[in-house]
Amino acid sequence: MAEFHDLAELALNREGQSWGNLGYWKSETEYSDACRALAILLGEQAGLDRQSVLFDAGFGCGDQLLLWLDHFRVARVRGVNLSYSQTAYARTKLVEAGFEDSATAIVQGDINDPGIWRAATGTDRPSHVLALDCAYHFPSRLEFIAQARRHLAPAGRIALTDFMLSDHHRTGSVTHWLLRWMLKRSHIAEANIVHPSRYLDQLRQAGFDEVRIVDISKHVIPGFAHFIRTFRVAGKAGWAGWAGWLKYAVTSRFLQWAYRRSILRYCLVSATKAR
């Protein structure tokens, strides 16, 4: 059975890269560079350093794991990813880069499964839990936040990039019905997409404080949509196969529409485990 999250993103990257996020396009023009920029932004917001014990929730094909290890020099990485193919790819990538211990510390599974957290963290209590461009795909972001709170070390931090409803969007509108249809097609639980005020409340109720939400939509959504259009014009779409290309094309058009109509916003989120 085909996976929704697979290796199709390899087609969008330059050779040797396997990023799979929407990218941060403030100054970048190439997909791999924009994806790396978004990861660096998240790592900086989280406050990663050499003492960090990092749990990566949804590590994709492993490029971000190498970034945490090489760029931020974190002490250790752990992680869970739903995709079998991506997890296998990430393990190979870590081994080839000389991080064999890290390759054995990442597992495949459902992020909402408490047993998976125990299997991934072992005796470690992570100082940081990160979710780079993936939390909206989790079966329940609320349960993910609860698990993060439960497993984080005292004063540990959670950091995400995530979609939210615009403050101007009305949930009873016609556009909201179109949004609900597209979310279902994109394997996104409707309950995961809420207004910023509700997102803030959910983090606080889960036991986090020092919550910061920064709207970075203008440097993410238009840039990704432009890249996909350029990618198609350049005649490279065949690399991803028809199914893969269709997913990117539909996603970029939908996100551009939702951004221009003030329906969705893409935000950088961080918070600290309350005492």
Protein backbone atom coordinates (compact mmCIF):
# COMPACT_ATOMS: atom_id res chain seq x y z
CA MET A 1 0.00 0.00 0.00
CA ALA A 2 1.39 3.41 -1.00
CA GLU A 3 2.27 5.84 1.77
CA PHE A 4 0.93 9.41 1.75
CA HIS A 5 4.30 10.52 3.16
CA ASP A 6 6.96 8.94 0.96
CA LEU A 7 10.16 9.86 -0.90
CA ALA A 8 8.53 12.03 -3.56
CA GLU A 9 10.14 15.18 -2.13
CA LEU A 10 13.52 13.94 -3.36
CA ALA A 11 12.51 15.24 -6.78
CA LEU A 12 12.28 18.82 -5.50
CA ASN A 13 15.76 18.84 -3.99
CA ARG A 14 19.21 19.31 -5.41
CA GLU A 15 21.33 16.17 -5.57
CA GLY A 16 22.20 14.76 -2.17
CA GLN A 17 19.41 16.66 -0.36
CA SER A 18 16.07 15.25 0.76
CA TRP A 19 14.21 18.03 2.54
CA GLY A 20 10.43 17.92 2.76
CA ASN A 21 8.95 21.13 4.19
CA LEU A 22 7.41 24.30 2.75
CA GLY A 23 10.59 26.34 3.13
CA TYR A 24 11.42 29.82 4.36
CA TRP A 25 11.77 32.01 1.27
CA LYS A 26 12.79 35.37 2.73
CA SER A 27 16.07 35.37 0.81
CA GLU A 28 16.34 31.84 -0.65
CA THR A 29 15.37 30.86 -4.18
CA GLU A 30 16.11 27.11 -4.23
CA TYR A 31 13.95 24.53 -2.49
CA SER A 32 16.69 22.77 -0.52
CA ASP A 33 18.05 26.11 0.74
CA ALA A 34 14.61 27.38 1.76
CA CYS A 35 13.84 24.15 3.62
CA ARG A 36 17.14 24.37 5.47
CA ALA A 37 16.42 28.02 6.32
CA LEU A 38 13.07 27.06 7.87
CA ALA A 39 14.75 24.37 9.97
CA ILE A 40 17.41 26.81 11.17
CA LEU A 41 14.71 29.33 12.08
CA LEU A 42 12.93 26.67 14.15
CA GLY A 43 16.14 25.55 15.85
CA GLU A 44 17.02 29.12 16.76
CA GLN A 45 13.54 29.76 18.12
CA ALA A 46 13.83 26.60 20.23
CA GLY A 47 17.20 27.69 21.58
CA LEU A 48 19.13 24.59 20.57
CA ASP A 49 22.72 24.32 21.81
CA ARG A 50 25.41 21.76 22.60
CA GLN A 51 23.59 20.58 25.74
CA SER A 52 20.30 19.94 23.96
CA VAL A 53 18.74 16.48 24.01
CA LEU A 54 16.37 16.75 21.08
CA PHE A 55 13.24 14.78 20.24
CA ASP A 56 12.22 15.32 16.60
CA ALA A 57 8.56 14.54 15.95
CA GLY A 58 8.33 13.89 12.20
CA PHE A 59 11.93 14.01 10.97
CA GLY A 60 11.19 13.23 7.32
CA CYS A 61 14.11 11.86 5.32
CA GLY A 62 16.70 12.93 7.86
CA ASP A 63 18.18 16.18 6.56
CA GLN A 64 16.94 18.10 9.59
CA LEU A 65 18.44 15.50 11.93
CA LEU A 66 21.82 16.15 10.35
CA LEU A 67 21.24 19.89 10.72
CA TRP A 68 20.55 19.56 14.46
CA LEU A 69 23.74 17.50 14.82
CA ASP A 70 26.04 19.46 12.50
CA HIS A 71 24.82 23.05 12.68
CA PHE A 72 23.51 23.27 16.25
CA ARG A 73 25.84 20.57 17.61
CA VAL A 74 23.12 19.15 19.87
CA ALA A 75 24.19 16.48 22.36
CA ARG A 76 21.75 13.80 21.20
CA VAL A 77 18.80 13.33 18.88
CA ARG A 78 15.80 11.05 19.21
CA GLY A 79 12.76 10.94 16.97
CA VAL A 80 9.61 9.37 15.59
CA ASN A 81 8.29 9.44 12.03
CA LEU A 82 5.16 7.85 10.60
CA SER A 83 6.61 6.90 7.20
CA TYR A 84 8.42 3.59 6.81
CA SER A 85 10.25 4.67 3.67
CA GLN A 86 11.37 8.00 5.10
CA THR A 87 12.54 6.43 8.37
CA ALA A 88 14.65 3.88 6.52
CA TYR A 89 16.08 6.62 4.32
CA ALA A 90 16.89 8.80 7.34
CA ARG A 91 18.67 5.95 9.13
CA THR A 92 20.84 5.31 6.08
CA LYS A 93 21.64 9.00 5.80
CA LEU A 94 22.70 9.22 9.45
CA VAL A 95 24.91 6.14 9.19
CA GLU A 96 26.60 7.45 6.05
CA ALA A 97 27.30 10.74 7.86
CA GLY A 98 28.90 8.90 10.78
CA PHE A 99 26.03 9.20 13.26
CA GLU A 100 25.34 5.50 13.85
CA ASP A 101 24.11 6.05 17.43
CA SER A 102 21.56 8.58 16.22
CA ALA A 103 20.41 6.20 13.49
CA THR A 104 19.41 3.65 16.13
CA ALA A 105 17.62 6.32 18.18
CA ILE A 106 14.98 7.16 15.58
CA VAL A 107 11.92 4.95 15.19
CA GLN A 108 8.92 4.53 12.94
CA GLY A 109 5.48 4.92 14.45
CA ASP A 110 2.49 7.04 15.41
CA ILE A 111 3.46 10.17 17.32
CA ASN A 112 0.28 9.89 19.41
CA ASP A 113 1.27 6.43 20.71
CA PRO A 114 2.75 6.73 24.23
CA GLY A 115 4.72 3.53 23.69
CA ILE A 116 6.48 5.07 20.71
CA TRP A 117 7.66 7.98 22.85
CA ARG A 118 9.06 5.55 25.42
CA ALA A 119 10.79 3.54 22.69
CA ALA A 120 12.35 6.66 21.17
CA THR A 121 13.38 8.51 24.32
CA GLY A 122 14.62 5.53 26.34
CA THR A 123 16.02 6.84 29.62
CA ASP A 124 16.45 10.36 28.22
CA ARG A 125 14.10 13.20 29.04
CA PRO A 126 14.49 15.55 26.09
CA SER A 127 15.23 19.20 26.69
CA HIS A 128 13.55 20.08 23.39
CA VAL A 129 10.70 18.67 21.31
CA LEU A 130 10.53 19.95 17.73
CA ALA A 131 7.94 19.46 15.00
CA LEU A 132 9.07 20.98 11.70
CA ASP A 133 6.17 21.45 9.28
CA CYS A 134 4.33 18.30 10.31
CA ALA A 135 2.17 18.80 13.43
CA TYR A 136 -0.92 19.61 11.35
CA HIS A 137 -0.67 16.09 9.92
CA PHE A 138 -0.66 14.38 13.33
CA PRO A 139 -3.82 12.43 14.23
CA SER A 140 -4.21 14.84 17.15
CA ARG A 141 -1.98 17.81 17.79
CA LEU A 142 -3.51 18.12 21.25
CA GLU A 143 -2.35 14.62 22.15
CA PHE A 144 1.09 15.38 20.72
CA ILE A 145 1.36 18.47 22.93
CA ALA A 146 0.28 16.42 25.95
CA GLN A 147 2.90 13.75 25.22
CA ALA A 148 5.57 16.43 24.78
CA ARG A 149 4.67 17.97 28.14
CA ARG A 150 4.76 14.54 29.78
CA HIS A 151 8.21 13.58 28.45
CA LEU A 152 10.05 16.90 28.45
CA ALA A 153 12.64 17.61 31.12
CA PRO A 154 11.82 20.39 33.61
CA ALA A 155 11.79 23.78 31.83
CA GLY A 156 12.04 21.94 28.51
CA ARG A 157 10.89 23.66 25.33
CA ILE A 158 8.59 22.76 22.48
CA ALA A 159 8.89 24.45 19.08
CA LEU A 160 6.83 23.96 15.93
CA THR A 161 6.02 25.43 12.57
CA ASP A 162 2.31 25.00 12.03
CA PHE A 163 -0.81 26.17 10.24
CA MET A 164 -3.52 28.19 11.97
CA LEU A 165 -6.71 29.89 10.93
CA SER A 166 -6.43 33.58 10.21
CA ASP A 167 -8.00 35.85 12.80
CA HIS A 168 -10.27 37.11 10.01
CA HIS A 169 -11.58 33.68 9.04
CA ARG A 170 -15.14 32.73 10.06
CA THR A 171 -15.68 29.02 10.69
CA GLY A 172 -19.30 29.17 9.49
CA SER A 173 -18.47 30.65 6.10
CA VAL A 174 -18.61 29.03 2.66
CA THR A 175 -14.82 29.22 2.43
CA HIS A 176 -14.61 27.20 5.62
CA TRP A 177 -16.55 24.38 4.01
CA LEU A 178 -14.06 24.42 1.13
CA LEU A 179 -11.24 24.40 3.67
CA ARG A 180 -12.72 21.38 5.44
CA TRP A 181 -12.91 19.47 2.15
CA MET A 182 -9.29 20.26 1.31
CA LEU A 183 -8.08 19.33 4.78
CA LYS A 184 -9.70 15.92 4.46
CA ARG A 185 -8.07 15.40 1.06
CA SER A 186 -4.71 16.39 2.57
CA HIS A 187 -4.90 13.96 5.52
CA ILE A 188 -5.19 16.81 8.04
CA ALA A 189 -7.52 16.54 11.01
CA GLU A 190 -9.87 19.53 11.09
CA ALA A 191 -9.39 19.83 14.86
CA ASN A 192 -5.70 20.60 14.28
CA ILE A 193 -6.45 23.89 12.48
CA VAL A 194 -7.57 26.54 14.96
CA HIS A 195 -7.31 30.30 15.48
CA PRO A 196 -4.12 31.60 17.19
CA SER A 197 -6.00 32.46 20.37
CA ARG A 198 -7.25 28.88 20.63
CA TYR A 199 -3.79 27.52 19.85
CA LEU A 200 -2.39 29.66 22.66
CA ASP A 201 -5.06 28.40 25.08
CA GLN A 202 -4.34 24.78 24.15
CA LEU A 203 -0.65 25.16 24.94
CA ARG A 204 -1.34 26.88 28.25
CA GLN A 205 -3.95 24.33 29.27
CA ALA A 206 -1.50 21.54 28.44
CA GLY A 207 1.02 23.00 30.88
CA PHE A 208 3.18 25.38 28.84
CA ASP A 209 3.96 29.03 29.37
CA GLU A 210 6.16 31.66 27.71
CA VAL A 211 4.21 30.90 24.54
CA ARG A 212 5.31 32.77 21.43
CA ILE A 213 3.46 32.65 18.09
CA VAL A 214 5.01 34.45 15.11
CA ASP A 215 3.25 34.69 11.73
CA ILE A 216 5.81 33.89 9.02
CA SER A 217 3.27 33.24 6.24
CA LYS A 218 4.57 35.88 3.85
CA HIS A 219 7.97 34.22 3.75
CA VAL A 220 6.61 30.69 3.39
CA ILE A 221 3.42 30.26 1.37
CA PRO A 222 4.00 32.62 -1.63
CA GLY A 223 7.58 31.42 -2.01
CA PHE A 224 6.61 27.75 -2.02
CA ALA A 225 3.80 28.40 -4.52
CA HIS A 226 6.16 30.32 -6.80
CA PHE A 227 8.76 27.57 -6.62
CA ILE A 228 6.25 24.89 -7.63
CA ARG A 229 5.10 27.01 -10.59
CA THR A 230 8.71 27.56 -11.66
CA PHE A 231 9.49 23.89 -11.16
CA ARG A 232 6.72 22.99 -13.57
CA VAL A 233 7.73 25.55 -16.16
CA ALA A 234 11.30 24.26 -16.05
CA GLY A 235 10.04 20.86 -17.15
CA LYS A 236 11.17 19.03 -14.04
CA ALA A 237 7.78 17.78 -12.89
CA GLY A 238 8.32 14.33 -14.38
CA TRP A 239 10.99 13.58 -11.78
CA ALA A 240 8.35 13.24 -9.10
CA GLY A 241 5.98 11.17 -11.19
CA TRP A 242 2.45 12.24 -12.01
CA ALA A 243 1.00 11.42 -8.58
CA GLY A 244 3.78 13.23 -6.76
CA TRP A 245 3.59 16.28 -8.98
CA LEU A 246 -0.19 16.47 -8.67
CA LYS A 247 0.13 16.52 -4.87
CA TYR A 248 2.56 19.45 -5.01
CA ALA A 249 0.57 21.37 -7.61
CA VAL A 250 -2.73 21.04 -5.76
CA THR A 251 -1.11 21.84 -2.41
CA SER A 252 0.60 25.00 -3.68
CA ARG A 253 -2.53 26.31 -5.39
CA PHE A 254 -4.66 25.62 -2.34
CA LEU A 255 -2.21 27.29 0.04
CA GLN A 256 -1.89 30.34 -2.19
CA TRP A 257 -5.69 30.64 -2.33
CA ALA A 258 -6.04 30.19 1.45
CA TYR A 259 -3.31 32.76 2.09
CA ARG A 260 -4.73 35.39 -0.24
CA ARG A 261 -8.25 34.91 1.12
CA SER A 262 -6.97 35.27 4.72
CA ILE A 263 -8.05 31.76 5.64
CA LEU A 264 -4.76 30.15 6.72
CA ARG A 265 -1.59 31.46 8.32
CA TYR A 266 1.73 29.69 8.81
CA CYS A 267 3.35 30.33 12.16
CA LEU A 268 6.46 29.71 14.22
CA VAL A 269 5.50 28.53 17.71
CA SER A 270 7.51 27.99 20.87
CA ALA A 271 6.71 27.46 24.54
CA THR A 272 8.33 26.36 27.79
CA LYS A 273 7.17 23.57 30.08
CA ALA A 274 5.61 25.21 33.12
CA ARG A 275 6.81 24.28 36.58
